Amino acid sequence: MSTPATSALPAEATTSASLKLGDDGLTRCGWVGGDPEYQRYHDEEWGRPLRDERLLFEKLCLEGFQAGLSWITILRRRPAFRAAFYDFDVNRVAVMDDVDVALLLADASIIRHRGKIEATIRNARVTRDLGESLTELIWSFAPEARGPRLRELGEVPATTMQSMALSRELRTRGYTFVGPTTMYALMQSAGLVDDHLSGCHRSNDA
């Protein structure tokens, strides 16, 4: 998840304290607001290793849709995205055509951005014809564990050498909407990196 070019964290992070105590008594990374879905996402998904091929393709696509928007906007619409793109089944999305694009551009339940819709279809076709596992390709760019956890939101990078390398490789393969900041957000979301801050209740996970 990402928004501003200066951070791979959500837009909310730009005005948040580094840690936030929730009404449930749990301390979380400061970009998490009071929205229950955001808290669930932080607790159950963000930073946990994800290797499921379909779900990883979904995250790749949704990170592209998120560019320029807040991540909570995407989370709230994720069920609609799943319905619109056949639960992100690569083979079904890959055969979508101009008629499907036109229908999706009229669908107010998703983000109606032609470039992002067409990129999702294109990326499905690239994934279908990749000749290897998308999961293995993405995870081949996972960095070594950072070591001591970061303590401040401002310390979280927008990009890394690995996210820039992953972006270049995916672009070479034909993927679009896979810039370095977006790819670092994917790395965070899919658990290639664990950017839960020191003091967050998730930072105690083994």
N, C-alpha and C. Protein backbone atom coordinates (compact mmCIF):
# COMPACT_ATOMS: atom_id res chain seq x y z
N MET A 1 0.84 -1.16 0.00
CA MET A 1 0.00 0.00 0.00
C MET A 1 0.87 1.21 0.00
N SER A 2 0.53 2.16 -0.76
CA SER A 2 1.36 3.34 -0.84
C SER A 2 0.52 4.49 -1.31
N THR A 3 1.01 5.67 -1.12
CA THR A 3 0.40 6.82 -1.75
C THR A 3 1.45 7.80 -2.18
N PRO A 4 1.95 8.68 -1.29
CA PRO A 4 2.83 9.72 -1.76
C PRO A 4 4.16 9.19 -2.24
N ALA A 5 4.79 9.92 -3.14
CA ALA A 5 6.08 9.49 -3.66
C ALA A 5 7.13 9.46 -2.58
N THR A 6 6.89 10.14 -1.46
CA THR A 6 7.86 10.19 -0.38
C THR A 6 7.71 9.03 0.59
N SER A 7 6.73 8.19 0.42
CA SER A 7 6.51 7.11 1.36
C SER A 7 5.78 5.97 0.70
N ALA A 8 6.09 4.73 1.13
CA ALA A 8 5.34 3.57 0.69
C ALA A 8 4.22 3.25 1.65
N LEU A 9 4.02 4.12 2.65
CA LEU A 9 2.92 3.96 3.59
C LEU A 9 1.70 4.68 3.07
N PRO A 10 0.53 4.42 3.67
CA PRO A 10 -0.69 5.11 3.23
C PRO A 10 -0.60 6.61 3.46
N ALA A 11 -1.45 7.35 2.78
CA ALA A 11 -1.47 8.80 2.93
C ALA A 11 -1.71 9.20 4.37
N GLU A 12 -2.48 8.40 5.09
CA GLU A 12 -2.79 8.71 6.48
C GLU A 12 -1.52 8.84 7.32
N ALA A 13 -0.45 8.17 6.91
CA ALA A 13 0.77 8.16 7.69
C ALA A 13 1.44 9.53 7.74
N THR A 14 1.15 10.38 6.77
CA THR A 14 1.84 11.67 6.71
C THR A 14 1.43 12.59 7.83
N THR A 15 0.30 12.32 8.48
CA THR A 15 -0.16 13.17 9.57
C THR A 15 -0.36 12.37 10.85
N SER A 16 0.17 11.16 10.93
CA SER A 16 -0.06 10.29 12.07
C SER A 16 1.17 10.22 12.96
N ALA A 17 0.92 9.97 14.25
CA ALA A 17 2.01 9.60 15.15
C ALA A 17 2.51 8.22 14.73
N SER A 18 3.72 7.88 15.16
CA SER A 18 4.30 6.62 14.72
C SER A 18 3.55 5.42 15.26
N LEU A 19 2.97 5.54 16.46
CA LEU A 19 2.19 4.46 17.06
C LEU A 19 0.85 5.00 17.51
N LYS A 20 -0.15 4.13 17.54
CA LYS A 20 -1.48 4.55 17.97
C LYS A 20 -2.10 3.45 18.81
N LEU A 21 -2.65 3.85 19.95
CA LEU A 21 -3.34 2.91 20.82
C LEU A 21 -4.79 2.83 20.41
N GLY A 22 -5.23 1.62 20.07
CA GLY A 22 -6.61 1.43 19.64
C GLY A 22 -7.57 1.30 20.80
N ASP A 23 -8.85 1.42 20.50
CA ASP A 23 -9.87 1.26 21.52
C ASP A 23 -9.87 -0.14 22.12
N ASP A 24 -9.28 -1.10 21.40
CA ASP A 24 -9.21 -2.47 21.90
C ASP A 24 -7.99 -2.71 22.78
N GLY A 25 -7.22 -1.64 23.02
CA GLY A 25 -6.06 -1.76 23.89
C GLY A 25 -4.79 -2.20 23.19
N LEU A 26 -4.84 -2.39 21.87
CA LEU A 26 -3.66 -2.81 21.11
C LEU A 26 -2.97 -1.60 20.49
N THR A 27 -1.67 -1.58 20.56
CA THR A 27 -0.88 -0.52 19.94
C THR A 27 -0.51 -0.94 18.52
N ARG A 28 -0.81 -0.06 17.59
CA ARG A 28 -0.56 -0.36 16.18
C ARG A 28 0.29 0.72 15.54
N CYS A 29 0.81 0.41 14.36
CA CYS A 29 1.52 1.41 13.57
C CYS A 29 0.59 2.60 13.37
N GLY A 30 1.15 3.80 13.41
CA GLY A 30 0.34 5.01 13.47
C GLY A 30 -0.49 5.31 12.25
N TRP A 31 -0.21 4.65 11.12
CA TRP A 31 -1.02 4.92 9.93
C TRP A 31 -2.39 4.26 10.00
N VAL A 32 -2.58 3.38 10.98
CA VAL A 32 -3.87 2.71 11.11
C VAL A 32 -4.83 3.60 11.89
N GLY A 33 -5.93 3.95 11.30
CA GLY A 33 -6.94 4.76 11.98
C GLY A 33 -7.88 3.89 12.78
N GLY A 34 -9.08 4.39 13.00
CA GLY A 34 -10.05 3.67 13.79
C GLY A 34 -10.96 2.77 12.99
N ASP A 35 -10.81 2.77 11.66
CA ASP A 35 -11.66 1.93 10.82
C ASP A 35 -11.40 0.45 11.10
N PRO A 36 -12.43 -0.33 11.45
CA PRO A 36 -12.22 -1.74 11.77
C PRO A 36 -11.56 -2.54 10.64
N GLU A 37 -11.90 -2.22 9.40
CA GLU A 37 -11.30 -2.95 8.28
C GLU A 37 -9.82 -2.64 8.16
N TYR A 38 -9.46 -1.39 8.41
CA TYR A 38 -8.05 -1.01 8.38
C TYR A 38 -7.28 -1.74 9.49
N GLN A 39 -7.86 -1.80 10.68
CA GLN A 39 -7.22 -2.48 11.79
C GLN A 39 -7.06 -3.97 11.47
N ARG A 40 -8.12 -4.58 10.91
CA ARG A 40 -8.03 -6.00 10.55
C ARG A 40 -6.95 -6.24 9.52
N TYR A 41 -6.88 -5.35 8.51
CA TYR A 41 -5.86 -5.50 7.47
C TYR A 41 -4.46 -5.41 8.09
N HIS A 42 -4.25 -4.43 8.96
CA HIS A 42 -2.95 -4.28 9.62
C HIS A 42 -2.61 -5.52 10.44
N ASP A 43 -3.58 -6.03 11.16
CA ASP A 43 -3.33 -7.14 12.08
C ASP A 43 -3.18 -8.47 11.37
N GLU A 44 -3.95 -8.68 10.30
CA GLU A 44 -4.04 -10.01 9.70
C GLU A 44 -3.31 -10.16 8.37
N GLU A 45 -3.05 -9.07 7.67
CA GLU A 45 -2.48 -9.18 6.33
C GLU A 45 -1.12 -8.48 6.19
N TRP A 46 -1.07 -7.21 6.56
CA TRP A 46 0.10 -6.39 6.25
C TRP A 46 1.35 -6.95 6.93
N GLY A 47 2.34 -7.27 6.12
CA GLY A 47 3.59 -7.79 6.64
C GLY A 47 3.64 -9.29 6.81
N ARG A 48 2.53 -9.99 6.57
CA ARG A 48 2.55 -11.45 6.68
C ARG A 48 2.92 -12.05 5.32
N PRO A 49 3.86 -12.99 5.29
CA PRO A 49 4.29 -13.58 4.02
C PRO A 49 3.12 -14.17 3.24
N LEU A 50 3.00 -13.76 1.99
CA LEU A 50 1.93 -14.21 1.11
C LEU A 50 2.55 -14.86 -0.12
N ARG A 51 2.23 -16.12 -0.34
CA ARG A 51 2.79 -16.84 -1.49
C ARG A 51 1.72 -17.45 -2.39
N ASP A 52 0.47 -17.22 -2.07
CA ASP A 52 -0.62 -17.71 -2.90
C ASP A 52 -0.61 -16.95 -4.22
N GLU A 53 -0.57 -17.69 -5.33
CA GLU A 53 -0.40 -17.07 -6.65
C GLU A 53 -1.54 -16.11 -6.99
N ARG A 54 -2.77 -16.52 -6.75
CA ARG A 54 -3.90 -15.66 -7.09
C ARG A 54 -3.94 -14.43 -6.21
N LEU A 55 -3.75 -14.62 -4.92
CA LEU A 55 -3.81 -13.48 -4.00
C LEU A 55 -2.66 -12.51 -4.24
N LEU A 56 -1.51 -13.03 -4.64
CA LEU A 56 -0.39 -12.14 -4.92
C LEU A 56 -0.65 -11.33 -6.19
N PHE A 57 -1.26 -11.96 -7.19
CA PHE A 57 -1.65 -11.22 -8.39
C PHE A 57 -2.68 -10.16 -8.04
N GLU A 58 -3.63 -10.50 -7.18
CA GLU A 58 -4.62 -9.52 -6.74
C GLU A 58 -3.94 -8.32 -6.09
N LYS A 59 -3.00 -8.57 -5.20
CA LYS A 59 -2.32 -7.47 -4.52
C LYS A 59 -1.53 -6.63 -5.51
N LEU A 60 -0.90 -7.27 -6.47
CA LEU A 60 -0.17 -6.53 -7.50
C LEU A 60 -1.10 -5.57 -8.22
N CYS A 61 -2.29 -6.05 -8.57
CA CYS A 61 -3.26 -5.22 -9.29
C CYS A 61 -3.81 -4.11 -8.39
N LEU A 62 -4.16 -4.45 -7.17
CA LEU A 62 -4.76 -3.45 -6.28
C LEU A 62 -3.76 -2.37 -5.88
N GLU A 63 -2.50 -2.74 -5.75
CA GLU A 63 -1.48 -1.71 -5.47
C GLU A 63 -1.42 -0.73 -6.64
N GLY A 64 -1.59 -1.23 -7.85
CA GLY A 64 -1.62 -0.35 -9.00
C GLY A 64 -2.84 0.57 -8.97
N PHE A 65 -3.99 0.03 -8.61
CA PHE A 65 -5.19 0.86 -8.50
C PHE A 65 -5.05 1.91 -7.40
N GLN A 66 -4.30 1.58 -6.35
CA GLN A 66 -4.19 2.47 -5.22
C GLN A 66 -3.36 3.71 -5.51
N ALA A 67 -2.48 3.66 -6.49
CA ALA A 67 -1.58 4.78 -6.76
C ALA A 67 -2.34 6.10 -6.83
N GLY A 68 -1.97 7.04 -5.95
CA GLY A 68 -2.61 8.34 -5.91
C GLY A 68 -3.83 8.40 -5.01
N LEU A 69 -4.20 7.27 -4.40
CA LEU A 69 -5.38 7.21 -3.54
C LEU A 69 -4.98 6.67 -2.16
N SER A 70 -5.90 6.71 -1.22
CA SER A 70 -5.63 6.12 0.08
C SER A 70 -5.92 4.62 0.02
N TRP A 71 -5.17 3.84 0.78
CA TRP A 71 -5.33 2.40 0.74
C TRP A 71 -6.68 1.97 1.29
N ILE A 72 -7.23 2.72 2.24
CA ILE A 72 -8.53 2.34 2.78
C ILE A 72 -9.61 2.40 1.70
N THR A 73 -9.44 3.30 0.73
CA THR A 73 -10.37 3.37 -0.39
C THR A 73 -10.38 2.05 -1.16
N ILE A 74 -9.21 1.48 -1.34
CA ILE A 74 -9.10 0.20 -2.06
C ILE A 74 -9.66 -0.93 -1.21
N LEU A 75 -9.33 -0.94 0.07
CA LEU A 75 -9.82 -2.01 0.94
C LEU A 75 -11.34 -2.07 0.96
N ARG A 76 -11.96 -0.90 1.05
CA ARG A 76 -13.42 -0.85 1.11
C ARG A 76 -14.05 -1.34 -0.18
N ARG A 77 -13.32 -1.21 -1.27
CA ARG A 77 -13.85 -1.62 -2.58
C ARG A 77 -13.32 -2.97 -3.03
N ARG A 78 -12.53 -3.62 -2.21
CA ARG A 78 -11.94 -4.88 -2.65
C ARG A 78 -12.98 -5.92 -3.03
N PRO A 79 -14.08 -6.07 -2.29
CA PRO A 79 -15.09 -7.04 -2.76
C PRO A 79 -15.61 -6.71 -4.15
N ALA A 80 -15.79 -5.42 -4.45
CA ALA A 80 -16.26 -5.02 -5.78
C ALA A 80 -15.21 -5.30 -6.84
N PHE A 81 -13.94 -5.05 -6.51
CA PHE A 81 -12.86 -5.37 -7.46
C PHE A 81 -12.85 -6.87 -7.74
N ARG A 82 -13.01 -7.66 -6.70
CA ARG A 82 -12.99 -9.11 -6.90
C ARG A 82 -14.13 -9.56 -7.79
N ALA A 83 -15.30 -8.95 -7.62
CA ALA A 83 -16.42 -9.30 -8.47
C ALA A 83 -16.18 -8.85 -9.91
N ALA A 84 -15.61 -7.67 -10.07
CA ALA A 84 -15.39 -7.11 -11.41
C ALA A 84 -14.33 -7.88 -12.19
N PHE A 85 -13.33 -8.41 -11.48
CA PHE A 85 -12.21 -9.08 -12.15
C PHE A 85 -12.17 -10.58 -11.84
N TYR A 86 -13.35 -11.19 -11.72
CA TYR A 86 -13.45 -12.64 -11.60
C TYR A 86 -12.56 -13.20 -10.49
N ASP A 87 -12.56 -12.51 -9.35
CA ASP A 87 -11.76 -12.93 -8.20
C ASP A 87 -10.27 -13.00 -8.55
N PHE A 88 -9.89 -12.19 -9.51
CA PHE A 88 -8.51 -12.08 -9.98
C PHE A 88 -7.95 -13.42 -10.46
N ASP A 89 -8.82 -14.17 -11.11
CA ASP A 89 -8.39 -15.37 -11.81
C ASP A 89 -7.65 -14.92 -13.07
N VAL A 90 -6.36 -15.22 -13.13
CA VAL A 90 -5.51 -14.71 -14.21
C VAL A 90 -6.05 -15.08 -15.58
N ASN A 91 -6.44 -16.31 -15.76
CA ASN A 91 -6.89 -16.74 -17.08
C ASN A 91 -8.19 -16.05 -17.51
N ARG A 92 -9.08 -15.79 -16.58
CA ARG A 92 -10.34 -15.12 -16.92
C ARG A 92 -10.12 -13.62 -17.18
N VAL A 93 -9.27 -13.01 -16.37
CA VAL A 93 -8.99 -11.59 -16.59
C VAL A 93 -8.24 -11.39 -17.91
N ALA A 94 -7.38 -12.32 -18.25
CA ALA A 94 -6.55 -12.19 -19.45
C ALA A 94 -7.37 -12.13 -20.74
N VAL A 95 -8.57 -12.67 -20.73
CA VAL A 95 -9.38 -12.67 -21.96
C VAL A 95 -10.44 -11.57 -21.95
N MET A 96 -10.39 -10.69 -20.97
CA MET A 96 -11.31 -9.54 -20.98
C MET A 96 -10.94 -8.64 -22.15
N ASP A 97 -11.95 -7.96 -22.71
CA ASP A 97 -11.73 -7.18 -23.92
C ASP A 97 -12.26 -5.75 -23.77
N ASP A 98 -12.35 -5.04 -24.88
CA ASP A 98 -12.78 -3.64 -24.85
C ASP A 98 -14.20 -3.49 -24.32
N VAL A 99 -15.04 -4.48 -24.59
CA VAL A 99 -16.40 -4.43 -24.07
C VAL A 99 -16.37 -4.47 -22.55
N ASP A 100 -15.54 -5.35 -22.01
CA ASP A 100 -15.40 -5.44 -20.56
C ASP A 100 -14.85 -4.14 -19.97
N VAL A 101 -13.89 -3.55 -20.65
CA VAL A 101 -13.32 -2.27 -20.18
C VAL A 101 -14.42 -1.21 -20.11
N ALA A 102 -15.23 -1.14 -21.15
CA ALA A 102 -16.32 -0.16 -21.17
C ALA A 102 -17.29 -0.39 -20.03
N LEU A 103 -17.62 -1.64 -19.76
CA LEU A 103 -18.52 -1.95 -18.66
C LEU A 103 -17.91 -1.55 -17.31
N LEU A 104 -16.62 -1.80 -17.15
CA LEU A 104 -15.96 -1.46 -15.89
C LEU A 104 -15.85 0.05 -15.71
N LEU A 105 -15.68 0.77 -16.80
CA LEU A 105 -15.63 2.23 -16.71
C LEU A 105 -16.96 2.82 -16.26
N ALA A 106 -18.01 2.05 -16.38
CA ALA A 106 -19.33 2.50 -15.94
C ALA A 106 -19.69 1.95 -14.56
N ASP A 107 -18.78 1.21 -13.96
CA ASP A 107 -19.05 0.56 -12.68
C ASP A 107 -18.54 1.44 -11.54
N ALA A 108 -19.45 2.12 -10.86
CA ALA A 108 -19.07 3.06 -9.80
C ALA A 108 -18.57 2.36 -8.54
N SER A 109 -18.67 1.06 -8.46
CA SER A 109 -18.24 0.34 -7.26
C SER A 109 -16.73 0.13 -7.21
N ILE A 110 -16.04 0.36 -8.36
CA ILE A 110 -14.59 0.24 -8.39
C ILE A 110 -13.99 1.60 -8.72
N ILE A 111 -12.68 1.64 -8.93
CA ILE A 111 -12.00 2.86 -9.36
C ILE A 111 -12.06 2.90 -10.88
N ARG A 112 -12.78 3.88 -11.42
CA ARG A 112 -13.01 3.93 -12.87
C ARG A 112 -11.89 4.71 -13.56
N HIS A 113 -10.78 4.05 -13.70
CA HIS A 113 -9.59 4.65 -14.31
C HIS A 113 -9.17 3.74 -15.46
N ARG A 114 -9.32 4.22 -16.68
CA ARG A 114 -9.07 3.38 -17.86
C ARG A 114 -7.67 2.77 -17.83
N GLY A 115 -6.67 3.58 -17.53
CA GLY A 115 -5.30 3.08 -17.56
C GLY A 115 -5.09 1.94 -16.57
N LYS A 116 -5.68 2.07 -15.39
CA LYS A 116 -5.50 1.04 -14.37
C LYS A 116 -6.30 -0.22 -14.71
N ILE A 117 -7.47 -0.05 -15.27
CA ILE A 117 -8.27 -1.20 -15.70
C ILE A 117 -7.54 -1.96 -16.81
N GLU A 118 -7.07 -1.22 -17.81
CA GLU A 118 -6.36 -1.87 -18.92
C GLU A 118 -5.05 -2.49 -18.44
N ALA A 119 -4.40 -1.87 -17.46
CA ALA A 119 -3.16 -2.44 -16.92
C ALA A 119 -3.44 -3.77 -16.22
N THR A 120 -4.56 -3.87 -15.53
CA THR A 120 -4.91 -5.12 -14.86
C THR A 120 -5.08 -6.25 -15.87
N ILE A 121 -5.74 -5.95 -16.98
CA ILE A 121 -5.93 -6.96 -18.02
C ILE A 121 -4.59 -7.31 -18.68
N ARG A 122 -3.82 -6.30 -18.97
CA ARG A 122 -2.51 -6.54 -19.57
C ARG A 122 -1.63 -7.37 -18.63
N ASN A 123 -1.63 -7.02 -17.36
CA ASN A 123 -0.79 -7.75 -16.41
C ASN A 123 -1.26 -9.19 -16.24
N ALA A 124 -2.55 -9.42 -16.39
CA ALA A 124 -3.04 -10.80 -16.36
C ALA A 124 -2.51 -11.59 -17.55
N ARG A 125 -2.50 -10.95 -18.71
CA ARG A 125 -1.98 -11.64 -19.91
C ARG A 125 -0.50 -11.94 -19.77
N VAL A 126 0.25 -10.99 -19.21
CA VAL A 126 1.69 -11.21 -19.00
C VAL A 126 1.89 -12.35 -18.00
N THR A 127 1.10 -12.35 -16.94
CA THR A 127 1.22 -13.40 -15.93
C THR A 127 0.88 -14.77 -16.51
N ARG A 128 -0.17 -14.81 -17.31
CA ARG A 128 -0.59 -16.07 -17.95
C ARG A 128 0.53 -16.64 -18.81
N ASP A 129 1.24 -15.76 -19.51
CA ASP A 129 2.27 -16.19 -20.45
C ASP A 129 3.67 -16.13 -19.87
N LEU A 130 3.77 -15.96 -18.57
CA LEU A 130 5.06 -15.72 -17.94
C LEU A 130 6.03 -16.88 -18.08
N GLY A 131 5.49 -18.10 -18.04
CA GLY A 131 6.35 -19.27 -18.15
C GLY A 131 7.00 -19.65 -16.83
N GLU A 132 6.64 -18.97 -15.78
CA GLU A 132 7.14 -19.29 -14.44
C GLU A 132 6.15 -18.75 -13.42
N SER A 133 6.38 -19.07 -12.18
CA SER A 133 5.50 -18.63 -11.11
C SER A 133 5.69 -17.15 -10.82
N LEU A 134 4.59 -16.40 -10.82
CA LEU A 134 4.67 -14.99 -10.43
C LEU A 134 5.16 -14.88 -8.99
N THR A 135 4.71 -15.79 -8.15
CA THR A 135 5.12 -15.77 -6.75
C THR A 135 6.63 -15.92 -6.63
N GLU A 136 7.18 -16.90 -7.32
CA GLU A 136 8.62 -17.12 -7.24
C GLU A 136 9.39 -15.94 -7.81
N LEU A 137 8.87 -15.34 -8.87
CA LEU A 137 9.54 -14.18 -9.46
C LEU A 137 9.57 -13.03 -8.46
N ILE A 138 8.44 -12.71 -7.88
CA ILE A 138 8.39 -11.59 -6.93
C ILE A 138 9.24 -11.88 -5.70
N TRP A 139 9.12 -13.08 -5.15
CA TRP A 139 9.85 -13.39 -3.92
C TRP A 139 11.35 -13.51 -4.15
N SER A 140 11.78 -13.64 -5.39
CA SER A 140 13.23 -13.68 -5.65
C SER A 140 13.88 -12.33 -5.36
N PHE A 141 13.05 -11.28 -5.17
CA PHE A 141 13.58 -9.95 -4.87
C PHE A 141 13.42 -9.60 -3.39
N ALA A 142 13.02 -10.56 -2.58
CA ALA A 142 12.87 -10.29 -1.15
C ALA A 142 14.24 -10.00 -0.53
N PRO A 143 14.35 -8.93 0.24
CA PRO A 143 15.63 -8.60 0.87
C PRO A 143 15.89 -9.43 2.11
N GLU A 144 17.12 -9.35 2.59
CA GLU A 144 17.42 -9.94 3.89
C GLU A 144 16.67 -9.17 4.96
N ALA A 145 16.40 -9.85 6.07
CA ALA A 145 15.73 -9.18 7.18
C ALA A 145 16.53 -7.94 7.59
N ARG A 146 15.81 -6.86 7.89
CA ARG A 146 16.45 -5.57 8.14
C ARG A 146 17.27 -5.56 9.42
N GLY A 147 16.86 -6.33 10.43
CA GLY A 147 17.54 -6.27 11.72
C GLY A 147 16.64 -5.57 12.72
N PRO A 148 17.19 -4.66 13.53
CA PRO A 148 16.34 -3.95 14.51
C PRO A 148 15.17 -3.25 13.81
N ARG A 149 14.01 -3.32 14.42
CA ARG A 149 12.83 -2.70 13.82
C ARG A 149 12.95 -1.18 13.82
N LEU A 150 12.35 -0.58 12.79
CA LEU A 150 12.28 0.87 12.74
C LEU A 150 11.37 1.37 13.85
N ARG A 151 11.62 2.61 14.30
CA ARG A 151 10.86 3.15 15.42
C ARG A 151 9.92 4.28 15.02
N GLU A 152 10.18 4.89 13.89
CA GLU A 152 9.39 6.05 13.47
C GLU A 152 8.86 5.83 12.06
N LEU A 153 7.65 6.35 11.79
CA LEU A 153 7.10 6.26 10.44
C LEU A 153 8.02 6.92 9.42
N GLY A 154 8.67 8.00 9.83
CA GLY A 154 9.54 8.72 8.91
C GLY A 154 10.76 7.92 8.48
N GLU A 155 11.06 6.84 9.20
CA GLU A 155 12.20 6.00 8.84
C GLU A 155 11.86 4.97 7.77
N VAL A 156 10.58 4.75 7.53
CA VAL A 156 10.16 3.74 6.55
C VAL A 156 10.47 4.27 5.15
N PRO A 157 11.22 3.52 4.35
CA PRO A 157 11.60 4.02 3.02
C PRO A 157 10.44 4.02 2.04
N ALA A 158 10.57 4.85 1.02
CA ALA A 158 9.59 4.86 -0.08
C ALA A 158 9.94 3.79 -1.10
N THR A 159 11.23 3.60 -1.32
CA THR A 159 11.71 2.59 -2.25
C THR A 159 12.98 1.98 -1.65
N THR A 160 13.36 0.85 -2.19
CA THR A 160 14.62 0.22 -1.82
C THR A 160 15.29 -0.28 -3.10
N MET A 161 16.52 -0.71 -2.99
CA MET A 161 17.20 -1.28 -4.15
C MET A 161 16.41 -2.45 -4.70
N GLN A 162 15.84 -3.25 -3.79
CA GLN A 162 15.09 -4.43 -4.23
C GLN A 162 13.79 -4.05 -4.93
N SER A 163 13.10 -3.02 -4.42
CA SER A 163 11.84 -2.63 -5.07
C SER A 163 12.11 -2.01 -6.43
N MET A 164 13.22 -1.29 -6.55
CA MET A 164 13.57 -0.72 -7.86
C MET A 164 13.95 -1.84 -8.83
N ALA A 165 14.66 -2.84 -8.33
CA ALA A 165 15.05 -3.96 -9.20
C ALA A 165 13.81 -4.76 -9.62
N LEU A 166 12.89 -4.98 -8.69
CA LEU A 166 11.65 -5.70 -9.01
C LEU A 166 10.84 -4.93 -10.03
N SER A 167 10.75 -3.63 -9.85
CA SER A 167 10.01 -2.79 -10.80
C SER A 167 10.61 -2.91 -12.20
N ARG A 168 11.93 -2.82 -12.28
CA ARG A 168 12.60 -2.93 -13.60
C ARG A 168 12.33 -4.28 -14.24
N GLU A 169 12.42 -5.34 -13.44
CA GLU A 169 12.22 -6.68 -13.99
C GLU A 169 10.79 -6.86 -14.48
N LEU A 170 9.83 -6.43 -13.70
CA LEU A 170 8.44 -6.58 -14.12
C LEU A 170 8.14 -5.76 -15.36
N ARG A 171 8.68 -4.56 -15.43
CA ARG A 171 8.48 -3.74 -16.62
C ARG A 171 9.11 -4.41 -17.84
N THR A 172 10.26 -5.01 -17.65
CA THR A 172 10.91 -5.73 -18.75
C THR A 172 10.02 -6.87 -19.24
N ARG A 173 9.31 -7.50 -18.31
CA ARG A 173 8.43 -8.62 -18.68
C ARG A 173 7.13 -8.13 -19.34
N GLY A 174 6.83 -6.83 -19.22
CA GLY A 174 5.64 -6.29 -19.85
C GLY A 174 4.58 -5.77 -18.89
N TYR A 175 4.84 -5.84 -17.57
CA TYR A 175 3.88 -5.34 -16.59
C TYR A 175 3.86 -3.81 -16.59
N THR A 176 2.72 -3.24 -16.22
CA THR A 176 2.59 -1.79 -16.10
C THR A 176 1.99 -1.45 -14.73
N PHE A 177 2.09 -0.18 -14.35
CA PHE A 177 1.69 0.29 -13.02
C PHE A 177 2.43 -0.49 -11.94
N VAL A 178 3.71 -0.64 -12.13
CA VAL A 178 4.56 -1.39 -11.19
C VAL A 178 5.81 -0.56 -10.86
N GLY A 179 5.61 0.72 -10.55
CA GLY A 179 6.73 1.57 -10.20
C GLY A 179 7.40 1.15 -8.91
N PRO A 180 8.60 1.68 -8.62
CA PRO A 180 9.37 1.27 -7.44
C PRO A 180 8.64 1.48 -6.12
N THR A 181 7.93 2.62 -5.97
CA THR A 181 7.20 2.86 -4.73
C THR A 181 6.03 1.89 -4.60
N THR A 182 5.33 1.66 -5.69
CA THR A 182 4.23 0.70 -5.68
C THR A 182 4.74 -0.69 -5.35
N MET A 183 5.91 -1.05 -5.88
CA MET A 183 6.46 -2.37 -5.61
C MET A 183 6.96 -2.50 -4.17
N TYR A 184 7.43 -1.40 -3.58
CA TYR A 184 7.80 -1.50 -2.17
C TYR A 184 6.54 -1.67 -1.32
N ALA A 185 5.47 -0.99 -1.70
CA ALA A 185 4.20 -1.18 -1.00
C ALA A 185 3.74 -2.63 -1.11
N LEU A 186 3.93 -3.24 -2.29
CA LEU A 186 3.59 -4.65 -2.45
C LEU A 186 4.45 -5.52 -1.53
N MET A 187 5.73 -5.19 -1.45
CA MET A 187 6.63 -5.95 -0.58
C MET A 187 6.17 -5.87 0.87
N GLN A 188 5.71 -4.70 1.29
CA GLN A 188 5.19 -4.55 2.65
C GLN A 188 3.91 -5.37 2.82
N SER A 189 3.00 -5.20 1.88
CA SER A 189 1.69 -5.84 1.98
C SER A 189 1.80 -7.35 1.96
N ALA A 190 2.69 -7.88 1.12
CA ALA A 190 2.80 -9.32 0.93
C ALA A 190 3.86 -9.95 1.83
N GLY A 191 4.45 -9.17 2.72
CA GLY A 191 5.35 -9.73 3.71
C GLY A 191 6.76 -10.02 3.24
N LEU A 192 7.16 -9.49 2.07
CA LEU A 192 8.56 -9.63 1.69
C LEU A 192 9.43 -8.81 2.64
N VAL A 193 8.84 -7.74 3.18
CA VAL A 193 9.46 -6.98 4.26
C VAL A 193 8.43 -6.84 5.36
N ASP A 194 8.90 -6.66 6.58
CA ASP A 194 8.01 -6.48 7.73
C ASP A 194 8.32 -5.13 8.34
N ASP A 195 7.49 -4.13 8.02
CA ASP A 195 7.73 -2.77 8.48
C ASP A 195 6.87 -2.38 9.67
N HIS A 196 6.37 -3.36 10.42
CA HIS A 196 5.70 -3.01 11.67
C HIS A 196 6.73 -2.38 12.60
N LEU A 197 6.39 -1.24 13.14
CA LEU A 197 7.33 -0.48 13.95
C LEU A 197 7.52 -1.11 15.33
N SER A 198 8.65 -0.83 15.90
CA SER A 198 8.91 -1.25 17.27
C SER A 198 7.83 -0.65 18.19
N GLY A 199 7.22 -1.49 18.98
CA GLY A 199 6.13 -1.05 19.85
C GLY A 199 4.76 -1.44 19.34
N CYS A 200 4.62 -1.68 18.04
CA CYS A 200 3.37 -2.20 17.49
C CYS A 200 3.17 -3.62 17.99
N HIS A 201 1.93 -3.98 18.29
CA HIS A 201 1.69 -5.32 18.83
C HIS A 201 2.10 -6.40 17.85
N ARG A 202 2.08 -6.10 16.56
CA ARG A 202 2.51 -7.08 15.56
C ARG A 202 4.02 -7.25 15.54
N SER A 203 4.76 -6.32 16.11
CA SER A 203 6.22 -6.42 16.08
C SER A 203 6.70 -7.56 16.99
N ASN A 204 5.82 -8.11 17.79
CA ASN A 204 6.19 -9.21 18.66
C ASN A 204 6.00 -10.57 18.01
N ASP A 205 5.45 -10.58 16.79
CA ASP A 205 5.23 -11.83 16.10
C ASP A 205 6.56 -12.50 15.82
N ALA A 206 6.57 -13.82 15.90
CA ALA A 206 7.80 -14.56 15.59
C ALA A 206 8.10 -14.45 14.11
